[in-house]
């Protein structure tokens, strides 16, 4: 089965956020410093559970900001002054009871789910940064979700 054929059989019935939280350490924020942002889908923590005609996916997104370009969220955590973790739940019904192969699940998580969830994540990032009193940032749309996106803000 192809991804396109699978998508034709799917109906997304629920998108929700079971957990969302951020941490802001003002003491690590330096006056006049450039901000380096990074966000990614933590594919190691993705959960896909299928039972009969139902698929439940939990997809965690991570966003981090640092004043040091060499200290990314996957590096030394003590240099990160702002971090945001959002876990999305996608509830899907499929028309027929079929066993979906792991490669199709992975393709959905890597290419389809980000296109669905990224606009919501962009808004949560913007809202969280505003609440923390940090400069506005609108995350761009992009196509390749397998590599972390990095951006510099001054």
N, C-alpha and C. Protein backbone atom coordinates (compact mmCIF):
# COMPACT_ATOMS: atom_id res chain seq x y z
N UNK A 1 0.85 -1.18 0.00
CA UNK A 1 0.00 0.00 0.00
C UNK A 1 0.89 1.24 0.00
N UNK A 2 0.45 2.25 -0.71
CA UNK A 2 1.19 3.51 -0.75
C UNK A 2 0.66 4.45 0.32
N UNK A 3 1.44 5.49 0.62
CA UNK A 3 1.00 6.50 1.58
C UNK A 3 -0.26 7.20 1.07
N UNK A 4 -0.32 7.49 -0.23
CA UNK A 4 -1.49 8.15 -0.80
C UNK A 4 -2.75 7.30 -0.63
N UNK A 5 -2.63 5.98 -0.84
CA UNK A 5 -3.77 5.09 -0.66
C UNK A 5 -4.20 5.04 0.80
N UNK A 6 -3.23 5.02 1.69
CA UNK A 6 -3.55 5.04 3.12
C UNK A 6 -4.27 6.33 3.51
N UNK A 7 -3.76 7.46 3.03
CA UNK A 7 -4.39 8.75 3.35
C UNK A 7 -5.83 8.82 2.86
N UNK A 8 -6.12 8.19 1.73
CA UNK A 8 -7.48 8.18 1.20
C UNK A 8 -8.43 7.40 2.10
N UNK A 9 -7.88 6.49 2.91
CA UNK A 9 -8.70 5.69 3.81
C UNK A 9 -8.84 6.31 5.20
N UNK A 10 -8.11 7.39 5.47
CA UNK A 10 -8.05 7.97 6.81
C UNK A 10 -9.00 9.15 6.98
N UNK A 11 -9.46 9.31 8.21
CA UNK A 11 -10.23 10.48 8.60
C UNK A 11 -9.73 10.93 9.98
N UNK A 12 -9.14 12.12 10.03
CA UNK A 12 -8.66 12.64 11.31
C UNK A 12 -9.86 13.13 12.10
N UNK A 13 -10.06 12.55 13.27
CA UNK A 13 -11.22 12.89 14.08
C UNK A 13 -10.87 13.78 15.27
N UNK A 14 -9.59 13.82 15.63
CA UNK A 14 -9.22 14.57 16.83
C UNK A 14 -7.77 15.04 16.73
N UNK A 15 -7.57 16.30 17.05
CA UNK A 15 -6.22 16.83 17.27
C UNK A 15 -6.29 17.55 18.60
N UNK A 16 -5.47 17.13 19.54
CA UNK A 16 -5.49 17.75 20.86
C UNK A 16 -4.07 17.86 21.40
N UNK A 17 -3.93 18.60 22.49
CA UNK A 17 -2.64 18.81 23.13
C UNK A 17 -2.74 18.30 24.57
N UNK A 18 -2.31 17.06 24.81
CA UNK A 18 -2.37 16.54 26.18
C UNK A 18 -1.39 17.22 27.13
N UNK A 19 -0.22 17.64 26.62
CA UNK A 19 0.74 18.35 27.47
C UNK A 19 1.40 19.48 26.69
N UNK A 20 1.61 20.59 27.38
CA UNK A 20 2.29 21.74 26.80
C UNK A 20 2.90 22.52 27.95
N UNK A 21 4.19 22.78 27.86
CA UNK A 21 4.82 23.55 28.92
C UNK A 21 6.11 24.18 28.46
N UNK A 22 6.43 25.31 29.07
CA UNK A 22 7.70 25.95 28.74
C UNK A 22 8.43 26.35 30.00
N UNK A 23 9.74 26.51 29.83
CA UNK A 23 10.62 26.95 30.91
C UNK A 23 11.41 28.14 30.41
N UNK A 24 11.42 29.21 31.20
CA UNK A 24 12.16 30.42 30.84
C UNK A 24 13.05 30.80 32.01
N UNK A 25 14.35 30.85 31.77
CA UNK A 25 15.32 31.24 32.80
C UNK A 25 15.92 32.59 32.41
N UNK A 26 15.35 33.65 32.95
CA UNK A 26 15.77 35.01 32.62
C UNK A 26 17.24 35.25 32.97
N UNK A 27 17.77 34.53 33.95
CA UNK A 27 19.17 34.71 34.36
C UNK A 27 20.16 34.31 33.27
N UNK A 28 19.75 33.41 32.36
CA UNK A 28 20.63 32.98 31.28
C UNK A 28 20.53 33.88 30.06
N UNK A 29 19.56 34.79 30.07
CA UNK A 29 19.36 35.69 28.94
C UNK A 29 20.27 36.90 29.09
N UNK A 30 21.11 37.14 28.10
CA UNK A 30 22.07 38.24 28.15
C UNK A 30 21.53 39.44 27.38
N UNK A 31 21.66 40.65 27.93
CA UNK A 31 21.19 41.86 27.27
C UNK A 31 21.89 42.05 25.93
N UNK A 32 21.10 42.37 24.89
CA UNK A 32 21.64 42.67 23.58
C UNK A 32 22.16 41.47 22.82
N UNK A 33 21.98 40.27 23.34
CA UNK A 33 22.51 39.07 22.67
C UNK A 33 21.60 38.63 21.53
N UNK A 34 22.18 37.97 20.55
CA UNK A 34 21.40 37.33 19.49
C UNK A 34 20.75 36.08 20.06
N UNK A 35 19.57 35.76 19.56
CA UNK A 35 18.88 34.55 19.98
C UNK A 35 18.99 33.51 18.89
N UNK A 36 19.28 32.29 19.26
CA UNK A 36 19.35 31.18 18.33
C UNK A 36 18.24 30.20 18.69
N UNK A 37 17.35 29.95 17.74
CA UNK A 37 16.20 29.10 17.97
C UNK A 37 16.36 27.79 17.22
N UNK A 38 15.78 26.76 17.80
CA UNK A 38 15.78 25.45 17.16
C UNK A 38 14.48 24.76 17.51
N UNK A 39 13.88 24.06 16.54
CA UNK A 39 12.72 23.23 16.85
C UNK A 39 12.78 21.95 16.05
N UNK A 40 12.15 20.92 16.60
CA UNK A 40 12.16 19.62 15.94
C UNK A 40 11.06 18.74 16.50
N UNK A 41 10.76 17.70 15.75
CA UNK A 41 9.89 16.65 16.23
C UNK A 41 10.80 15.59 16.82
N UNK A 42 10.55 15.22 18.07
CA UNK A 42 11.37 14.20 18.71
C UNK A 42 10.88 12.83 18.28
N UNK A 43 11.40 12.35 17.15
CA UNK A 43 10.90 11.12 16.54
C UNK A 43 11.11 9.88 17.42
N UNK A 44 12.07 9.94 18.33
CA UNK A 44 12.31 8.80 19.22
C UNK A 44 11.17 8.64 20.24
N UNK A 45 10.43 9.71 20.48
CA UNK A 45 9.34 9.67 21.47
C UNK A 45 7.96 9.60 20.83
N UNK A 46 7.90 9.47 19.51
CA UNK A 46 6.62 9.36 18.83
C UNK A 46 5.99 8.01 19.16
N UNK A 47 4.70 8.03 19.41
CA UNK A 47 3.97 6.80 19.72
C UNK A 47 2.83 6.65 18.71
N UNK A 48 2.76 5.48 18.09
CA UNK A 48 1.69 5.17 17.14
C UNK A 48 1.06 3.86 17.58
N UNK A 49 -0.20 3.93 17.99
CA UNK A 49 -0.90 2.73 18.45
C UNK A 49 -2.12 2.52 17.57
N UNK A 50 -2.19 1.33 16.98
CA UNK A 50 -3.32 0.99 16.12
C UNK A 50 -4.10 -0.14 16.76
N UNK A 51 -5.43 0.05 16.80
CA UNK A 51 -6.31 -1.04 17.22
C UNK A 51 -7.55 -0.99 16.33
N UNK A 52 -7.77 -2.07 15.64
CA UNK A 52 -8.89 -2.19 14.69
C UNK A 52 -8.86 -1.04 13.69
N UNK A 53 -9.89 -0.19 13.70
CA UNK A 53 -9.99 0.91 12.74
C UNK A 53 -9.58 2.25 13.34
N UNK A 54 -8.82 2.22 14.43
CA UNK A 54 -8.42 3.45 15.12
C UNK A 54 -6.91 3.52 15.23
N UNK A 55 -6.38 4.71 15.00
CA UNK A 55 -4.95 4.96 15.19
C UNK A 55 -4.82 6.16 16.12
N UNK A 56 -4.05 5.99 17.17
CA UNK A 56 -3.74 7.07 18.10
C UNK A 56 -2.26 7.38 18.00
N UNK A 57 -1.96 8.64 17.70
CA UNK A 57 -0.56 9.08 17.60
C UNK A 57 -0.28 10.15 18.64
N UNK A 58 0.85 10.03 19.30
CA UNK A 58 1.37 11.08 20.16
C UNK A 58 2.67 11.56 19.54
N UNK A 59 2.72 12.85 19.23
CA UNK A 59 3.88 13.41 18.53
C UNK A 59 4.42 14.60 19.32
N UNK A 60 5.62 14.45 19.91
CA UNK A 60 6.19 15.55 20.69
C UNK A 60 7.03 16.52 19.85
N UNK A 61 6.76 17.79 20.03
CA UNK A 61 7.54 18.86 19.42
C UNK A 61 8.37 19.52 20.50
N UNK A 62 9.58 19.95 20.15
CA UNK A 62 10.46 20.66 21.07
C UNK A 62 10.95 21.93 20.40
N UNK A 63 10.99 23.01 21.17
CA UNK A 63 11.51 24.30 20.72
C UNK A 63 12.47 24.78 21.79
N UNK A 64 13.61 25.33 21.39
CA UNK A 64 14.59 25.83 22.36
C UNK A 64 15.23 27.10 21.84
N UNK A 65 15.62 27.97 22.77
CA UNK A 65 16.30 29.22 22.43
C UNK A 65 17.53 29.36 23.31
N UNK A 66 18.63 29.82 22.68
CA UNK A 66 19.89 30.00 23.36
C UNK A 66 20.50 31.30 22.88
N UNK A 67 21.40 31.87 23.67
CA UNK A 67 22.13 33.06 23.23
C UNK A 67 23.47 32.68 22.62
N UNK A 68 23.78 31.41 22.59
CA UNK A 68 25.05 30.93 22.06
C UNK A 68 24.78 29.99 20.89
N UNK A 69 25.27 30.34 19.72
CA UNK A 69 25.01 29.55 18.51
C UNK A 69 25.56 28.13 18.61
N UNK A 70 26.53 27.91 19.48
CA UNK A 70 27.12 26.57 19.58
C UNK A 70 26.39 25.69 20.58
N UNK A 71 25.45 26.25 21.32
CA UNK A 71 24.72 25.48 22.33
C UNK A 71 23.29 25.27 21.88
N UNK A 72 23.04 24.19 21.20
CA UNK A 72 21.70 23.88 20.70
C UNK A 72 20.96 23.03 21.71
N UNK A 73 19.66 22.86 21.47
CA UNK A 73 18.84 22.11 22.42
C UNK A 73 19.30 20.67 22.57
N UNK A 74 19.99 20.13 21.58
CA UNK A 74 20.48 18.76 21.70
C UNK A 74 21.84 18.74 22.39
N UNK A 75 22.38 19.90 22.68
CA UNK A 75 23.70 20.00 23.33
C UNK A 75 23.56 20.26 24.81
N UNK A 76 24.34 21.21 25.31
CA UNK A 76 24.37 21.49 26.74
C UNK A 76 23.15 22.29 27.16
N UNK A 77 22.30 21.67 27.96
CA UNK A 77 21.04 22.28 28.37
C UNK A 77 21.25 23.54 29.22
N UNK A 78 22.39 23.67 29.90
CA UNK A 78 22.58 24.83 30.77
C UNK A 78 22.67 26.14 30.00
N UNK A 79 22.89 26.12 28.70
CA UNK A 79 22.98 27.34 27.90
C UNK A 79 21.63 27.76 27.32
N UNK A 80 20.62 26.93 27.43
CA UNK A 80 19.31 27.23 26.87
C UNK A 80 18.51 28.04 27.89
N UNK A 81 18.01 29.21 27.45
CA UNK A 81 17.25 30.06 28.38
C UNK A 81 15.74 29.88 28.22
N UNK A 82 15.29 29.31 27.13
CA UNK A 82 13.86 29.11 26.91
C UNK A 82 13.66 27.77 26.22
N UNK A 83 12.79 26.94 26.77
CA UNK A 83 12.47 25.67 26.12
C UNK A 83 10.96 25.44 26.20
N UNK A 84 10.44 24.84 25.17
CA UNK A 84 9.01 24.58 25.05
C UNK A 84 8.83 23.15 24.57
N UNK A 85 7.96 22.43 25.23
CA UNK A 85 7.64 21.07 24.81
C UNK A 85 6.13 20.94 24.66
N UNK A 86 5.72 20.48 23.50
CA UNK A 86 4.30 20.30 23.20
C UNK A 86 4.11 18.88 22.69
N UNK A 87 3.15 18.19 23.27
CA UNK A 87 2.84 16.84 22.80
C UNK A 87 1.45 16.88 22.17
N UNK A 88 1.38 16.48 20.91
CA UNK A 88 0.11 16.47 20.17
C UNK A 88 -0.44 15.05 20.11
N UNK A 89 -1.75 14.95 20.19
CA UNK A 89 -2.45 13.68 19.97
C UNK A 89 -3.25 13.83 18.68
N UNK A 90 -3.11 12.86 17.80
CA UNK A 90 -3.92 12.80 16.58
C UNK A 90 -4.71 11.50 16.64
N UNK A 91 -6.02 11.62 16.61
CA UNK A 91 -6.91 10.46 16.59
C UNK A 91 -7.43 10.26 15.17
N UNK A 92 -7.19 9.09 14.63
CA UNK A 92 -7.54 8.80 13.24
C UNK A 92 -8.43 7.56 13.17
N UNK A 93 -9.44 7.63 12.33
CA UNK A 93 -10.27 6.45 12.00
C UNK A 93 -9.92 6.06 10.56
N UNK A 94 -9.84 4.76 10.33
CA UNK A 94 -9.62 4.28 8.97
C UNK A 94 -10.85 3.50 8.52
N UNK A 95 -11.10 3.54 7.22
CA UNK A 95 -12.33 2.95 6.67
C UNK A 95 -12.36 1.44 6.80
N UNK A 96 -11.22 0.80 6.64
CA UNK A 96 -11.15 -0.66 6.70
C UNK A 96 -10.18 -1.07 7.81
N UNK A 97 -10.43 -2.22 8.37
CA UNK A 97 -9.51 -2.74 9.38
C UNK A 97 -8.35 -3.41 8.66
N UNK A 98 -7.23 -2.69 8.61
CA UNK A 98 -6.01 -3.20 7.99
C UNK A 98 -4.85 -2.94 8.94
N UNK A 99 -3.84 -3.75 8.82
CA UNK A 99 -2.63 -3.53 9.61
C UNK A 99 -1.72 -2.60 8.82
N UNK A 100 -1.43 -1.45 9.39
CA UNK A 100 -0.59 -0.46 8.71
C UNK A 100 0.87 -0.77 9.01
N UNK A 101 1.64 -0.89 7.96
CA UNK A 101 3.05 -1.25 8.10
C UNK A 101 3.83 -0.11 8.74
N UNK A 102 4.93 -0.48 9.41
CA UNK A 102 5.75 0.50 10.12
C UNK A 102 6.30 1.59 9.20
N UNK A 103 6.66 1.23 7.96
CA UNK A 103 7.20 2.25 7.06
C UNK A 103 6.15 3.29 6.68
N UNK A 104 4.88 2.89 6.59
CA UNK A 104 3.80 3.85 6.32
C UNK A 104 3.52 4.73 7.53
N UNK A 105 3.59 4.14 8.72
CA UNK A 105 3.42 4.94 9.93
C UNK A 105 4.52 5.99 10.01
N UNK A 106 5.74 5.57 9.73
CA UNK A 106 6.88 6.49 9.77
C UNK A 106 6.73 7.59 8.72
N UNK A 107 6.29 7.23 7.53
CA UNK A 107 6.08 8.22 6.46
C UNK A 107 5.01 9.22 6.87
N UNK A 108 3.96 8.76 7.53
CA UNK A 108 2.90 9.67 7.99
C UNK A 108 3.47 10.64 9.03
N UNK A 109 4.22 10.12 9.99
CA UNK A 109 4.78 10.96 11.06
C UNK A 109 5.78 11.97 10.49
N UNK A 110 6.58 11.56 9.52
CA UNK A 110 7.63 12.43 8.99
C UNK A 110 7.14 13.43 7.96
N UNK A 111 6.10 13.09 7.19
CA UNK A 111 5.72 14.00 6.11
C UNK A 111 4.31 14.55 6.19
N UNK A 112 3.37 13.81 6.73
CA UNK A 112 1.98 14.28 6.76
C UNK A 112 1.67 15.00 8.07
N UNK A 113 1.97 14.38 9.18
CA UNK A 113 1.65 14.99 10.49
C UNK A 113 2.25 16.39 10.66
N UNK A 114 3.51 16.61 10.26
CA UNK A 114 4.05 17.97 10.42
C UNK A 114 3.27 19.02 9.64
N UNK A 115 2.78 18.67 8.48
CA UNK A 115 2.00 19.63 7.69
C UNK A 115 0.67 19.95 8.37
N UNK A 116 0.16 19.01 9.13
CA UNK A 116 -1.08 19.23 9.87
C UNK A 116 -0.81 20.02 11.14
N UNK A 117 0.24 19.65 11.87
CA UNK A 117 0.48 20.20 13.21
C UNK A 117 1.30 21.49 13.23
N UNK A 118 2.13 21.71 12.24
CA UNK A 118 3.06 22.84 12.28
C UNK A 118 2.37 24.20 12.45
N UNK A 119 1.25 24.47 11.80
CA UNK A 119 0.59 25.77 12.03
C UNK A 119 0.18 25.97 13.49
N UNK A 120 -0.27 24.91 14.14
CA UNK A 120 -0.64 25.00 15.56
C UNK A 120 0.60 25.25 16.41
N UNK A 121 1.68 24.54 16.08
CA UNK A 121 2.93 24.71 16.83
C UNK A 121 3.48 26.11 16.67
N UNK A 122 3.42 26.66 15.47
CA UNK A 122 3.88 28.04 15.24
C UNK A 122 3.16 29.01 16.17
N UNK A 123 1.84 28.81 16.30
CA UNK A 123 1.05 29.71 17.15
C UNK A 123 1.43 29.55 18.62
N UNK A 124 1.62 28.32 19.07
CA UNK A 124 1.99 28.09 20.46
C UNK A 124 3.36 28.70 20.76
N UNK A 125 4.32 28.57 19.83
CA UNK A 125 5.63 29.18 20.02
C UNK A 125 5.49 30.69 20.13
N UNK A 126 4.75 31.31 19.22
CA UNK A 126 4.57 32.76 19.25
C UNK A 126 3.92 33.21 20.55
N UNK A 127 2.87 32.51 20.98
CA UNK A 127 2.18 32.86 22.23
C UNK A 127 3.09 32.70 23.44
N UNK A 128 3.84 31.60 23.48
CA UNK A 128 4.71 31.33 24.63
C UNK A 128 5.84 32.36 24.73
N UNK A 129 6.43 32.71 23.59
CA UNK A 129 7.48 33.73 23.60
C UNK A 129 6.93 35.08 24.05
N UNK A 130 5.73 35.42 23.60
CA UNK A 130 5.11 36.68 24.01
C UNK A 130 4.83 36.68 25.51
N UNK A 131 4.32 35.61 26.04
CA UNK A 131 4.03 35.51 27.48
C UNK A 131 5.30 35.61 28.31
N UNK A 132 6.42 35.14 27.76
CA UNK A 132 7.70 35.20 28.47
C UNK A 132 8.35 36.58 28.30
N UNK A 133 7.77 37.45 27.47
CA UNK A 133 8.33 38.77 27.25
C UNK A 133 9.51 38.78 26.30
N UNK A 134 9.60 37.78 25.44
CA UNK A 134 10.70 37.67 24.48
C UNK A 134 10.26 38.24 23.12
N UNK A 135 11.23 38.54 22.25
CA UNK A 135 10.88 39.09 20.94
C UNK A 135 10.00 38.14 20.14
N UNK A 136 9.15 38.73 19.31
CA UNK A 136 8.25 37.96 18.47
C UNK A 136 9.04 37.12 17.48
N UNK A 137 8.56 35.93 17.24
CA UNK A 137 9.16 35.04 16.25
C UNK A 137 8.04 34.27 15.57
N UNK A 138 7.99 34.33 14.27
CA UNK A 138 7.06 33.51 13.50
C UNK A 138 7.87 32.44 12.80
N UNK A 139 7.69 31.22 13.23
CA UNK A 139 8.41 30.11 12.61
C UNK A 139 7.98 29.98 11.16
N UNK A 140 8.91 29.76 10.26
CA UNK A 140 8.56 29.62 8.84
C UNK A 140 7.95 28.26 8.55
N UNK A 141 7.26 28.18 7.44
CA UNK A 141 6.84 26.89 6.93
C UNK A 141 8.03 26.30 6.20
N UNK A 142 8.20 25.02 6.29
CA UNK A 142 9.28 24.37 5.56
C UNK A 142 8.90 22.93 5.27
N UNK A 143 9.62 22.32 4.37
CA UNK A 143 9.25 21.01 3.88
C UNK A 143 9.96 19.84 4.56
N UNK A 144 11.23 20.00 4.93
CA UNK A 144 11.98 18.86 5.45
C UNK A 144 11.92 18.84 6.97
N UNK A 145 11.15 17.93 7.52
CA UNK A 145 11.01 17.84 8.97
C UNK A 145 11.96 16.82 9.57
N UNK A 146 12.77 16.17 8.77
CA UNK A 146 13.68 15.17 9.32
C UNK A 146 14.91 15.81 9.94
N UNK A 147 15.23 17.05 9.57
CA UNK A 147 16.36 17.76 10.14
C UNK A 147 15.84 18.93 10.97
N UNK A 148 16.48 19.23 12.11
CA UNK A 148 16.04 20.37 12.91
C UNK A 148 16.23 21.68 12.14
N UNK A 149 15.30 22.60 12.33
CA UNK A 149 15.41 23.92 11.72
C UNK A 149 16.12 24.84 12.70
N UNK A 150 17.06 25.62 12.22
CA UNK A 150 17.76 26.55 13.08
C UNK A 150 17.68 27.95 12.48
N UNK A 151 17.50 28.93 13.34
CA UNK A 151 17.37 30.30 12.88
C UNK A 151 18.04 31.22 13.87
N UNK A 152 18.60 32.33 13.38
CA UNK A 152 19.23 33.31 14.25
C UNK A 152 18.36 34.55 14.25
N UNK A 153 18.10 35.10 15.45
CA UNK A 153 17.34 36.34 15.59
C UNK A 153 18.23 37.32 16.36
N UNK A 154 18.26 38.57 15.93
CA UNK A 154 19.00 39.59 16.66
C UNK A 154 18.08 40.65 17.18
